[in-house]
Amino acid sequence: MQPLDNVVVLDLTRILTGPFCTMMLADFGADVIKIEPPQGDDTRRWGPPFIHGESAYYLSVNRNKRSIVLDFREEDDRARFLQMVSQADVVVENYRPGTMARWGFDYQSLKALNPGIIMASISGFGATGPGRGRPGYDVVAQAMSGLMAVTGDGSGPMKAGFSVGDIGAGMWAAYGIMMALWARERTGEGQWIDTSLYEALISWQTYLAGNYFATGERPQPLGSAHPNIAPYQAMRASDGYLVVACGNDALWEKMIVECEISFGHDPKFRTNPDRVRHREELIGRLESEVFERRTVAEWLDRLARAGVPAAPIQSFDDVFQDPQVEHRTMDVVMEHPTAGSIHQLGIPVKMSSTPGALRTPPPLLNQHREEILAQFGLTNATPEA
């Protein structure tokens, strides 16, 4: 048993944010039907790299789904989709606001067919408001949400290395769908979920927004450092960098002893607020007088003995050779009909009774057309109006 067994999801999404959302649902048992235009999801052609003709990008977020092509320029396919809606539980889309309404697929129209239908819309800036028409690209959301203003070392705007706006909005949409499914259990009614990349990133500001609201001062980029804790950042050793996370005064005392910090009890560095206020001097002295004397490996060993959180800065090679990653099954190999053996990122939520599973590889375009049409009592002939 999986938590979302028998939940039927009509997935109109493409690129990243929507497919990530529906993959989360599919991993826990939802029957996700990926409805693609004749040319397929754009990311089928995004590369290199390709694996025997299959885009690595597309393969990364479309497992556990089935594919069917419907061309919404055609009246017959629009009618097929509406018949599918009448029997489904969830519709997920990430078109620009207004697109679904032009096809006759707005929430009110779908609700008239199926009062229990849940519709999730993911866009760049939300379906309402003066910014609703802006294109929804991850880098645009990172720029406007404040993320790029606080990322990097101050030498210039810098985005996060992952597409956190896309992925964050997809996660919020999946969260909203789960709440809507639970609410429907009690009311019998579906609802419309409206979220955006912009809001996803704003919601993650948390303590940075709290600092701004408290002081009126704009947060600044601090490289790897933390605005409220010190030392809590990357440190330069003799042969590279490591991260040290000294989250409280007790850890600072342990670090003073283990790292032989001669200036550790200077009143300027006694408490965390003192260390934050004198961050520049503290970090400069820690690097030049302490950490540059030994290698990364030596410091990691010493800090581990002292119980002070520290870590190497790992490349992707390092990550996927980490025994913990293997133990937690975060690198899973699946067999794809054309790409052969492909690696997939594992499921980060482990559940004791109803775990998620990687059941089927990402589908070929239109691979499941006949079985999906049969599931909904449809054929390739013109459906009834």
Foldseek 3Di string as FASTA:
>chain_A
DFPAAPAEEEEAEADFQRLQLVLVVLLRHYAYEHEAAPVGHPQQPDDPPAQLSGHPRLQARFFSYHAAYAHLVDPLSLVLVLLVLLVHAEYEYEDQAPPCVVSVNDPVSSCVSPQRHAYEYEAAAKNDDPCSRDHRDLVVLCVPLCVQQAEDAPPDGDGDPDSCLSHQQSVVRSVVSVVQVVVCVVVVGGYYHMYYSNVSSNVPCPVQVVVCVVPVDHHGHHHQCDLQFPPFGWAQEQPGIKTFHQPFQVLLVLCCVLQVPVCSCPVCNNGGVSCSVVVVVVRVCCRPVTRHVDDPVVVVVSSVVSVTDMGHDDDPVRVVVDVVLVVQVQWDWDQDPRSGTDIYGDDPDQDDPRGGDRDGGRDDHNRCVVVVCVVSVHDPPRDDD
